[in-house]
Amino acid sequence: MKKLGFLVIAASLLLAACNDDKEATNTSNNETASEETSNVSGDMMKFYFSVSKTINQADADLNAFEGAQAKEELPEGDELATMKEAAKTSALETKSAIEGLEIPAELDAQKADIEAALTDFANAYQMKADALEASADANLEAANEAMVSADEKLNKVLEDTGLAPSSITNEVSA
């Protein structure tokens, strides 16, 4: 009987130890998952800022044109033609810069969604260049709507990685 009692106590201790190991493993797995989420969030935040920085480095002349257009302060004649040409060149350089962005390997799970958003941003800048080339009034409304759509796609990725939505369009329009 003593042997049976000892066996029951030993089995109980073994089960308790196994239970503690499972809890420790579950806690460890939860911490690892949490770390991976925060790492993905951090990686996404860094990448997001690199997108706005890349755009801002290339779109100054386009921003100057759009700002003057919004204030109805566009120059006339040759000065307007020069400003439009600089804005068009700026839009094409921005498009190329966006197309040259490399998505970090840490964001492979989000790569398709990020690529879709970047493609839309690049297309919007091509639309701006085309509008500046095509007409005297350079109506950029459709291109700006495309930017908003691209923003929405990128915001989905931000939210999926635990970040708050933002607006590349607002960050690069200054």
N, C-alpha and C. Protein backbone atom coordinates (compact mmCIF):
# COMPACT_ATOMS: atom_id res chain seq x y z
N MET A 1 0.81 -1.17 0.00
CA MET A 1 0.00 0.00 0.00
C MET A 1 0.86 1.26 0.00
N LYS A 2 1.97 1.20 0.76
CA LYS A 2 2.88 2.34 0.79
C LYS A 2 3.44 2.59 -0.60
N LYS A 3 3.73 1.50 -1.32
CA LYS A 3 4.29 1.64 -2.67
C LYS A 3 3.26 2.29 -3.59
N LEU A 4 2.00 1.91 -3.43
CA LEU A 4 0.96 2.50 -4.27
C LEU A 4 0.79 3.99 -3.95
N GLY A 5 0.83 4.34 -2.68
CA GLY A 5 0.74 5.74 -2.25
C GLY A 5 1.91 6.54 -2.78
N PHE A 6 3.10 5.94 -2.69
CA PHE A 6 4.29 6.60 -3.21
C PHE A 6 4.18 6.80 -4.72
N LEU A 7 3.68 5.80 -5.41
CA LEU A 7 3.50 5.87 -6.86
C LEU A 7 2.50 6.97 -7.24
N VAL A 8 1.42 7.09 -6.48
CA VAL A 8 0.41 8.13 -6.75
C VAL A 8 1.01 9.51 -6.52
N ILE A 9 1.78 9.67 -5.46
CA ILE A 9 2.42 10.97 -5.17
C ILE A 9 3.42 11.30 -6.27
N ALA A 10 4.22 10.32 -6.67
CA ALA A 10 5.21 10.54 -7.72
C ALA A 10 4.51 10.92 -9.04
N ALA A 11 3.43 10.22 -9.37
CA ALA A 11 2.69 10.53 -10.59
C ALA A 11 2.10 11.93 -10.52
N SER A 12 1.60 12.31 -9.36
CA SER A 12 1.03 13.65 -9.19
C SER A 12 2.09 14.72 -9.38
N LEU A 13 3.26 14.48 -8.79
CA LEU A 13 4.35 15.44 -8.95
C LEU A 13 4.80 15.54 -10.41
N LEU A 14 4.84 14.41 -11.08
CA LEU A 14 5.22 14.39 -12.49
C LEU A 14 4.21 15.16 -13.34
N LEU A 15 2.93 14.92 -13.08
CA LEU A 15 1.90 15.65 -13.81
C LEU A 15 1.96 17.15 -13.53
N ALA A 16 2.20 17.50 -12.29
CA ALA A 16 2.30 18.92 -11.93
C ALA A 16 3.49 19.56 -12.65
N ALA A 17 4.60 18.84 -12.67
CA ALA A 17 5.79 19.36 -13.35
C ALA A 17 5.53 19.52 -14.85
N CYS A 18 4.87 18.55 -15.45
CA CYS A 18 4.53 18.63 -16.87
C CYS A 18 3.60 19.81 -17.14
N ASN A 19 2.66 20.02 -16.25
CA ASN A 19 1.72 21.13 -16.39
C ASN A 19 2.46 22.46 -16.33
N ASP A 20 3.42 22.59 -15.39
CA ASP A 20 4.21 23.80 -15.28
C ASP A 20 5.02 24.02 -16.56
N ASP A 21 5.57 22.93 -17.13
CA ASP A 21 6.33 23.05 -18.38
C ASP A 21 5.43 23.52 -19.51
N LYS A 22 4.20 22.99 -19.57
CA LYS A 22 3.26 23.41 -20.62
C LYS A 22 2.92 24.88 -20.47
N GLU A 23 2.68 25.32 -19.23
CA GLU A 23 2.36 26.73 -19.00
C GLU A 23 3.54 27.60 -19.38
N ALA A 24 4.75 27.17 -19.01
CA ALA A 24 5.94 27.94 -19.36
C ALA A 24 6.11 27.98 -20.87
N THR A 25 5.87 26.86 -21.53
CA THR A 25 5.98 26.82 -22.99
C THR A 25 4.93 27.71 -23.63
N ASN A 26 3.68 27.66 -23.14
CA ASN A 26 2.63 28.52 -23.67
C ASN A 26 2.96 29.98 -23.45
N THR A 27 3.45 30.33 -22.26
CA THR A 27 3.84 31.70 -21.98
C THR A 27 4.96 32.12 -22.90
N SER A 28 5.94 31.24 -23.07
CA SER A 28 7.06 31.53 -23.95
C SER A 28 6.59 31.71 -25.38
N ASN A 29 5.68 30.85 -25.85
CA ASN A 29 5.14 30.97 -27.21
C ASN A 29 4.37 32.27 -27.38
N ASN A 30 3.58 32.65 -26.37
CA ASN A 30 2.83 33.90 -26.44
C ASN A 30 3.77 35.10 -26.47
N GLU A 31 4.85 35.05 -25.66
CA GLU A 31 5.83 36.13 -25.67
C GLU A 31 6.53 36.22 -27.01
N THR A 32 6.87 35.07 -27.60
CA THR A 32 7.52 35.05 -28.91
C THR A 32 6.59 35.63 -29.97
N ALA A 33 5.33 35.24 -29.94
CA ALA A 33 4.36 35.78 -30.90
C ALA A 33 4.21 37.28 -30.73
N SER A 34 4.19 37.73 -29.48
CA SER A 34 4.08 39.15 -29.21
C SER A 34 5.31 39.90 -29.72
N GLU A 35 6.51 39.32 -29.49
CA GLU A 35 7.74 39.92 -29.98
C GLU A 35 7.74 39.99 -31.49
N GLU A 36 7.28 38.91 -32.16
CA GLU A 36 7.24 38.91 -33.61
C GLU A 36 6.30 39.99 -34.12
N THR A 37 5.16 40.17 -33.46
CA THR A 37 4.23 41.21 -33.86
C THR A 37 4.86 42.58 -33.69
N SER A 38 5.52 42.81 -32.55
CA SER A 38 6.13 44.11 -32.34
C SER A 38 7.29 44.33 -33.29
N ASN A 39 8.03 43.27 -33.62
CA ASN A 39 9.11 43.41 -34.59
C ASN A 39 8.56 43.75 -35.97
N VAL A 40 7.47 43.08 -36.37
CA VAL A 40 6.85 43.38 -37.66
C VAL A 40 6.32 44.81 -37.64
N SER A 41 5.74 45.23 -36.53
CA SER A 41 5.24 46.60 -36.40
C SER A 41 6.40 47.60 -36.55
N GLY A 42 7.49 47.32 -35.86
CA GLY A 42 8.66 48.19 -35.96
C GLY A 42 9.23 48.22 -37.35
N ASP A 43 9.33 47.04 -37.97
CA ASP A 43 9.84 46.98 -39.34
C ASP A 43 8.93 47.72 -40.31
N MET A 44 7.63 47.58 -40.11
CA MET A 44 6.68 48.27 -40.99
C MET A 44 6.77 49.77 -40.79
N MET A 45 6.91 50.20 -39.54
CA MET A 45 7.03 51.63 -39.27
C MET A 45 8.27 52.21 -39.95
N LYS A 46 9.39 51.52 -39.84
CA LYS A 46 10.63 51.98 -40.48
C LYS A 46 10.44 52.05 -42.00
N PHE A 47 9.83 51.02 -42.56
CA PHE A 47 9.62 51.01 -44.00
C PHE A 47 8.69 52.14 -44.42
N TYR A 48 7.62 52.33 -43.68
CA TYR A 48 6.65 53.40 -43.99
C TYR A 48 7.36 54.76 -44.02
N PHE A 49 8.20 55.01 -43.02
CA PHE A 49 8.92 56.28 -42.99
C PHE A 49 9.90 56.38 -44.16
N SER A 50 10.47 55.26 -44.57
CA SER A 50 11.38 55.30 -45.72
C SER A 50 10.63 55.63 -47.01
N VAL A 51 9.37 55.21 -47.10
CA VAL A 51 8.56 55.54 -48.28
C VAL A 51 8.34 57.04 -48.34
N SER A 52 7.89 57.64 -47.24
CA SER A 52 7.63 59.08 -47.26
C SER A 52 8.92 59.87 -47.48
N LYS A 53 10.02 59.40 -46.89
CA LYS A 53 11.30 60.08 -47.08
C LYS A 53 11.75 60.01 -48.54
N THR A 54 11.59 58.85 -49.14
CA THR A 54 11.97 58.66 -50.55
C THR A 54 11.16 59.60 -51.44
N ILE A 55 9.87 59.67 -51.19
CA ILE A 55 9.02 60.54 -52.00
C ILE A 55 9.40 62.00 -51.79
N ASN A 56 9.59 62.39 -50.54
CA ASN A 56 9.94 63.79 -50.25
C ASN A 56 11.27 64.22 -50.87
N GLN A 57 12.17 63.29 -51.07
CA GLN A 57 13.45 63.62 -51.67
C GLN A 57 13.31 63.89 -53.17
N ALA A 58 12.21 63.47 -53.78
CA ALA A 58 12.07 63.60 -55.22
C ALA A 58 10.96 64.53 -55.69
N ASP A 59 10.02 64.88 -54.83
CA ASP A 59 8.83 65.58 -55.33
C ASP A 59 8.73 67.06 -55.00
N ALA A 60 9.83 67.71 -54.70
CA ALA A 60 9.78 69.12 -54.29
C ALA A 60 9.20 70.02 -55.38
N ASP A 61 9.64 69.87 -56.61
CA ASP A 61 9.12 70.72 -57.69
C ASP A 61 7.64 70.46 -57.97
N LEU A 62 7.24 69.21 -57.85
CA LEU A 62 5.83 68.88 -58.01
C LEU A 62 5.01 69.52 -56.89
N ASN A 63 5.50 69.45 -55.67
CA ASN A 63 4.81 70.08 -54.54
C ASN A 63 4.70 71.59 -54.73
N ALA A 64 5.75 72.20 -55.25
CA ALA A 64 5.72 73.65 -55.49
C ALA A 64 4.64 74.01 -56.50
N PHE A 65 4.55 73.21 -57.56
CA PHE A 65 3.52 73.44 -58.57
C PHE A 65 2.13 73.26 -57.97
N GLU A 66 1.92 72.15 -57.27
CA GLU A 66 0.61 71.87 -56.69
C GLU A 66 0.22 72.93 -55.65
N GLY A 67 1.18 73.40 -54.89
CA GLY A 67 0.90 74.44 -53.91
C GLY A 67 0.48 75.74 -54.58
N ALA A 68 1.21 76.14 -55.61
CA ALA A 68 0.87 77.35 -56.34
C ALA A 68 -0.49 77.20 -57.04
N GLN A 69 -0.75 76.02 -57.57
CA GLN A 69 -2.02 75.76 -58.23
C GLN A 69 -3.18 75.85 -57.24
N ALA A 70 -3.00 75.29 -56.06
CA ALA A 70 -4.05 75.32 -55.04
C ALA A 70 -4.35 76.74 -54.59
N LYS A 71 -3.33 77.56 -54.52
CA LYS A 71 -3.50 78.96 -54.11
C LYS A 71 -3.87 79.87 -55.28
N GLU A 72 -3.99 79.27 -56.45
CA GLU A 72 -4.27 80.01 -57.69
C GLU A 72 -3.22 81.10 -57.90
N GLU A 73 -1.97 80.73 -57.68
CA GLU A 73 -0.85 81.65 -57.84
C GLU A 73 0.15 81.15 -58.86
N LEU A 74 -0.32 80.41 -59.85
CA LEU A 74 0.59 79.93 -60.89
C LEU A 74 1.06 81.10 -61.76
N PRO A 75 2.32 81.08 -62.13
CA PRO A 75 2.80 82.13 -63.02
C PRO A 75 2.21 81.93 -64.42
N GLU A 76 2.59 82.78 -65.32
CA GLU A 76 2.08 82.67 -66.69
C GLU A 76 3.25 82.53 -67.66
N GLY A 77 2.90 82.17 -68.88
CA GLY A 77 3.86 82.15 -69.98
C GLY A 77 4.99 81.15 -69.78
N ASP A 78 6.20 81.63 -70.09
CA ASP A 78 7.39 80.78 -70.03
C ASP A 78 7.67 80.29 -68.61
N GLU A 79 7.39 81.15 -67.66
CA GLU A 79 7.62 80.76 -66.26
C GLU A 79 6.72 79.59 -65.86
N LEU A 80 5.47 79.62 -66.33
CA LEU A 80 4.55 78.51 -66.07
C LEU A 80 5.03 77.24 -66.78
N ALA A 81 5.46 77.38 -68.02
CA ALA A 81 5.95 76.23 -68.77
C ALA A 81 7.16 75.60 -68.07
N THR A 82 8.05 76.43 -67.57
CA THR A 82 9.23 75.94 -66.86
C THR A 82 8.82 75.24 -65.57
N MET A 83 7.87 75.83 -64.86
CA MET A 83 7.41 75.24 -63.60
C MET A 83 6.72 73.90 -63.85
N LYS A 84 5.89 73.84 -64.90
CA LYS A 84 5.20 72.59 -65.23
C LYS A 84 6.20 71.50 -65.64
N GLU A 85 7.21 71.87 -66.40
CA GLU A 85 8.21 70.90 -66.82
C GLU A 85 8.99 70.36 -65.63
N ALA A 86 9.33 71.24 -64.70
CA ALA A 86 10.04 70.81 -63.49
C ALA A 86 9.14 69.91 -62.65
N ALA A 87 7.86 70.23 -62.57
CA ALA A 87 6.92 69.41 -61.81
C ALA A 87 6.75 68.04 -62.46
N LYS A 88 6.68 68.02 -63.79
CA LYS A 88 6.55 66.74 -64.51
C LYS A 88 7.79 65.88 -64.27
N THR A 89 8.96 66.47 -64.38
CA THR A 89 10.21 65.74 -64.13
C THR A 89 10.24 65.22 -62.70
N SER A 90 9.80 66.05 -61.77
CA SER A 90 9.75 65.65 -60.37
C SER A 90 8.80 64.47 -60.17
N ALA A 91 7.65 64.49 -60.83
CA ALA A 91 6.69 63.39 -60.73
C ALA A 91 7.29 62.09 -61.27
N LEU A 92 7.99 62.18 -62.39
CA LEU A 92 8.60 60.98 -62.97
C LEU A 92 9.74 60.45 -62.11
N GLU A 93 10.51 61.36 -61.52
CA GLU A 93 11.59 60.94 -60.62
C GLU A 93 11.02 60.28 -59.36
N THR A 94 9.91 60.81 -58.89
CA THR A 94 9.26 60.23 -57.72
C THR A 94 8.75 58.84 -58.04
N LYS A 95 8.13 58.70 -59.21
CA LYS A 95 7.65 57.38 -59.64
C LYS A 95 8.81 56.38 -59.66
N SER A 96 9.92 56.78 -60.24
CA SER A 96 11.10 55.89 -60.30
C SER A 96 11.63 55.56 -58.92
N ALA A 97 11.64 56.54 -58.05
CA ALA A 97 12.12 56.32 -56.68
C ALA A 97 11.23 55.31 -55.95
N ILE A 98 9.93 55.43 -56.14
CA ILE A 98 9.00 54.49 -55.51
C ILE A 98 9.23 53.08 -56.06
N GLU A 99 9.38 53.00 -57.36
CA GLU A 99 9.61 51.69 -57.98
C GLU A 99 10.93 51.06 -57.53
N GLY A 100 11.87 51.89 -57.09
CA GLY A 100 13.16 51.39 -56.62
C GLY A 100 13.18 50.97 -55.16
N LEU A 101 12.10 51.22 -54.45
CA LEU A 101 12.05 50.83 -53.04
C LEU A 101 12.09 49.31 -52.90
N GLU A 102 12.86 48.83 -51.95
CA GLU A 102 12.92 47.40 -51.67
C GLU A 102 12.22 47.13 -50.35
N ILE A 103 11.31 46.18 -50.41
CA ILE A 103 10.57 45.79 -49.22
C ILE A 103 11.46 44.86 -48.40
N PRO A 104 11.67 45.18 -47.13
CA PRO A 104 12.54 44.33 -46.30
C PRO A 104 12.00 42.90 -46.18
N ALA A 105 12.92 41.96 -46.06
CA ALA A 105 12.55 40.54 -45.94
C ALA A 105 11.66 40.30 -44.72
N GLU A 106 11.82 41.13 -43.69
CA GLU A 106 11.02 40.97 -42.48
C GLU A 106 9.53 41.21 -42.75
N LEU A 107 9.22 41.83 -43.88
CA LEU A 107 7.82 42.12 -44.22
C LEU A 107 7.32 41.22 -45.35
N ASP A 108 7.93 40.05 -45.51
CA ASP A 108 7.52 39.14 -46.58
C ASP A 108 6.04 38.78 -46.50
N ALA A 109 5.51 38.64 -45.31
CA ALA A 109 4.10 38.26 -45.17
C ALA A 109 3.18 39.37 -45.68
N GLN A 110 3.66 40.61 -45.69
CA GLN A 110 2.86 41.74 -46.14
C GLN A 110 3.28 42.22 -47.53
N LYS A 111 4.23 41.55 -48.13
CA LYS A 111 4.86 42.02 -49.37
C LYS A 111 3.87 42.29 -50.49
N ALA A 112 2.94 41.39 -50.73
CA ALA A 112 2.00 41.56 -51.84
C ALA A 112 1.14 42.81 -51.64
N ASP A 113 0.68 43.03 -50.42
CA ASP A 113 -0.14 44.21 -50.14
C ASP A 113 0.67 45.50 -50.24
N ILE A 114 1.89 45.46 -49.76
CA ILE A 114 2.76 46.64 -49.85
C ILE A 114 3.07 46.94 -51.31
N GLU A 115 3.40 45.91 -52.09
CA GLU A 115 3.68 46.11 -53.50
C GLU A 115 2.49 46.72 -54.23
N ALA A 116 1.29 46.27 -53.90
CA ALA A 116 0.09 46.81 -54.54
C ALA A 116 -0.05 48.31 -54.23
N ALA A 117 0.19 48.67 -52.99
CA ALA A 117 0.09 50.09 -52.60
C ALA A 117 1.18 50.91 -53.30
N LEU A 118 2.40 50.40 -53.33
CA LEU A 118 3.50 51.12 -53.98
C LEU A 118 3.25 51.28 -55.48
N THR A 119 2.71 50.24 -56.09
CA THR A 119 2.37 50.32 -57.52
C THR A 119 1.33 51.42 -57.75
N ASP A 120 0.35 51.50 -56.87
CA ASP A 120 -0.67 52.55 -57.00
C ASP A 120 -0.06 53.94 -56.80
N PHE A 121 0.87 54.08 -55.86
CA PHE A 121 1.54 55.37 -55.68
C PHE A 121 2.34 55.72 -56.94
N ALA A 122 3.08 54.77 -57.47
CA ALA A 122 3.86 55.02 -58.68
C ALA A 122 2.95 55.41 -59.84
N ASN A 123 1.85 54.71 -59.99
CA ASN A 123 0.89 55.03 -61.05
C ASN A 123 0.30 56.42 -60.87
N ALA A 124 0.05 56.81 -59.63
CA ALA A 124 -0.50 58.15 -59.36
C ALA A 124 0.50 59.23 -59.79
N TYR A 125 1.78 58.99 -59.53
CA TYR A 125 2.78 59.97 -59.96
C TYR A 125 2.91 59.99 -61.48
N GLN A 126 2.75 58.85 -62.13
CA GLN A 126 2.73 58.83 -63.60
C GLN A 126 1.53 59.62 -64.11
N MET A 127 0.39 59.46 -63.46
CA MET A 127 -0.81 60.22 -63.84
C MET A 127 -0.57 61.72 -63.70
N LYS A 128 0.14 62.11 -62.65
CA LYS A 128 0.45 63.53 -62.47
C LYS A 128 1.34 64.03 -63.60
N ALA A 129 2.36 63.24 -63.94
CA ALA A 129 3.25 63.64 -65.03
C ALA A 129 2.48 63.75 -66.34
N ASP A 130 1.60 62.79 -66.58
CA ASP A 130 0.79 62.82 -67.81
C ASP A 130 -0.12 64.04 -67.84
N ALA A 131 -0.74 64.36 -66.71
CA ALA A 131 -1.63 65.52 -66.65
C ALA A 131 -0.86 66.82 -66.87
N LEU A 132 0.34 66.89 -66.35
CA LEU A 132 1.16 68.08 -66.54
C LEU A 132 1.59 68.23 -67.99
N GLU A 133 1.76 67.13 -68.68
CA GLU A 133 2.15 67.14 -70.08
C GLU A 133 0.97 67.45 -70.99
N ALA A 134 -0.22 66.95 -70.62
CA ALA A 134 -1.35 66.93 -71.54
C ALA A 134 -2.14 68.23 -71.64
N SER A 135 -2.28 68.93 -70.54
CA SER A 135 -3.21 70.06 -70.61
C SER A 135 -2.65 71.32 -69.96
N ALA A 136 -3.20 72.43 -70.37
CA ALA A 136 -2.75 73.71 -69.84
C ALA A 136 -3.11 73.86 -68.36
N ASP A 137 -4.28 73.32 -67.97
CA ASP A 137 -4.70 73.49 -66.57
C ASP A 137 -4.12 72.43 -65.64
N ALA A 138 -3.53 71.39 -66.20
CA ALA A 138 -2.90 70.31 -65.42
C ALA A 138 -3.80 69.85 -64.28
N ASN A 139 -4.94 69.30 -64.65
CA ASN A 139 -5.89 68.81 -63.65
C ASN A 139 -5.34 67.53 -63.02
N LEU A 140 -4.99 67.61 -61.76
CA LEU A 140 -4.37 66.50 -61.04
C LEU A 140 -5.36 65.76 -60.15
N GLU A 141 -6.64 66.05 -60.31
CA GLU A 141 -7.66 65.47 -59.43
C GLU A 141 -7.68 63.94 -59.48
N ALA A 142 -7.66 63.36 -60.66
CA ALA A 142 -7.69 61.89 -60.77
C ALA A 142 -6.44 61.27 -60.14
N ALA A 143 -5.31 61.91 -60.33
CA ALA A 143 -4.07 61.40 -59.74
C ALA A 143 -4.12 61.49 -58.22
N ASN A 144 -4.70 62.56 -57.71
CA ASN A 144 -4.81 62.71 -56.25
C ASN A 144 -5.78 61.69 -55.68
N GLU A 145 -6.83 61.35 -56.41
CA GLU A 145 -7.74 60.29 -55.98
C GLU A 145 -7.02 58.94 -55.95
N ALA A 146 -6.15 58.71 -56.92
CA ALA A 146 -5.35 57.48 -56.94
C ALA A 146 -4.41 57.43 -55.74
N MET A 147 -3.90 58.58 -55.34
CA MET A 147 -3.03 58.64 -54.15
C MET A 147 -3.82 58.24 -52.90
N VAL A 148 -5.05 58.71 -52.80
CA VAL A 148 -5.89 58.37 -51.65
C VAL A 148 -6.15 56.86 -51.62
N SER A 149 -6.39 56.29 -52.79
CA SER A 149 -6.61 54.84 -52.87
C SER A 149 -5.37 54.06 -52.44
N ALA A 150 -4.21 54.53 -52.88
CA ALA A 150 -2.95 53.89 -52.48
C ALA A 150 -2.74 54.02 -50.98
N ASP A 151 -3.06 55.19 -50.43
CA ASP A 151 -2.99 55.40 -48.99
C ASP A 151 -3.84 54.38 -48.24
N GLU A 152 -5.06 54.14 -48.74
CA GLU A 152 -5.96 53.19 -48.09
C GLU A 152 -5.36 51.79 -48.07
N LYS A 153 -4.72 51.40 -49.17
CA LYS A 153 -4.09 50.07 -49.22
C LYS A 153 -2.94 49.99 -48.21
N LEU A 154 -2.14 51.02 -48.15
CA LEU A 154 -1.01 51.00 -47.22
C LEU A 154 -1.50 51.07 -45.77
N ASN A 155 -2.59 51.80 -45.55
CA ASN A 155 -3.16 51.85 -44.20
C ASN A 155 -3.65 50.49 -43.75
N LYS A 156 -4.17 49.70 -44.65
CA LYS A 156 -4.61 48.34 -44.31
C LYS A 156 -3.41 47.53 -43.79
N VAL A 157 -2.28 47.67 -44.44
CA VAL A 157 -1.07 46.97 -43.99
C VAL A 157 -0.64 47.50 -42.63
N LEU A 158 -0.69 48.82 -42.45
CA LEU A 158 -0.32 49.39 -41.16
C LEU A 158 -1.20 48.81 -40.05
N GLU A 159 -2.50 48.79 -40.29
CA GLU A 159 -3.42 48.27 -39.28
C GLU A 159 -3.19 46.78 -39.04
N ASP A 160 -2.92 46.02 -40.10
CA ASP A 160 -2.69 44.58 -39.96
C ASP A 160 -1.43 44.28 -39.16
N THR A 161 -0.50 45.22 -39.12
CA THR A 161 0.73 45.01 -38.36
C THR A 161 0.68 45.71 -37.00
N GLY A 162 -0.52 46.15 -36.61
CA GLY A 162 -0.70 46.72 -35.28
C GLY A 162 -0.40 48.20 -35.17
N LEU A 163 -0.32 48.89 -36.30
CA LEU A 163 -0.03 50.32 -36.28
C LEU A 163 -1.29 51.12 -36.61
N ALA A 164 -1.27 52.38 -36.26
CA ALA A 164 -2.39 53.27 -36.58
C ALA A 164 -2.27 53.71 -38.04
N PRO A 165 -3.40 53.91 -38.69
CA PRO A 165 -3.36 54.39 -40.08
C PRO A 165 -2.76 55.79 -40.15
N SER A 166 -2.21 56.11 -41.30
CA SER A 166 -1.59 57.41 -41.52
C SER A 166 -1.89 57.85 -42.95
N SER A 167 -1.16 58.82 -43.45
CA SER A 167 -1.39 59.28 -44.82
C SER A 167 -0.08 59.71 -45.45
N ILE A 168 0.42 58.90 -46.34
CA ILE A 168 1.61 59.28 -47.11
C ILE A 168 1.31 60.57 -47.86
N THR A 169 0.11 60.67 -48.41
CA THR A 169 -0.27 61.85 -49.19
C THR A 169 -0.11 63.12 -48.37
N ASN A 170 -0.56 63.12 -47.13
CA ASN A 170 -0.41 64.29 -46.28
C ASN A 170 1.05 64.54 -45.90
N GLU A 171 1.79 63.46 -45.72
CA GLU A 171 3.19 63.60 -45.30
C GLU A 171 4.10 64.12 -46.41
N VAL A 172 3.71 63.91 -47.66
CA VAL A 172 4.59 64.31 -48.76
C VAL A 172 4.06 65.52 -49.52
N SER A 173 3.00 66.11 -49.07
CA SER A 173 2.41 67.24 -49.78
C SER A 173 2.83 68.58 -49.21
N ALA A 174 3.86 68.58 -48.44
CA ALA A 174 4.29 69.85 -47.84
C ALA A 174 5.58 70.34 -48.41
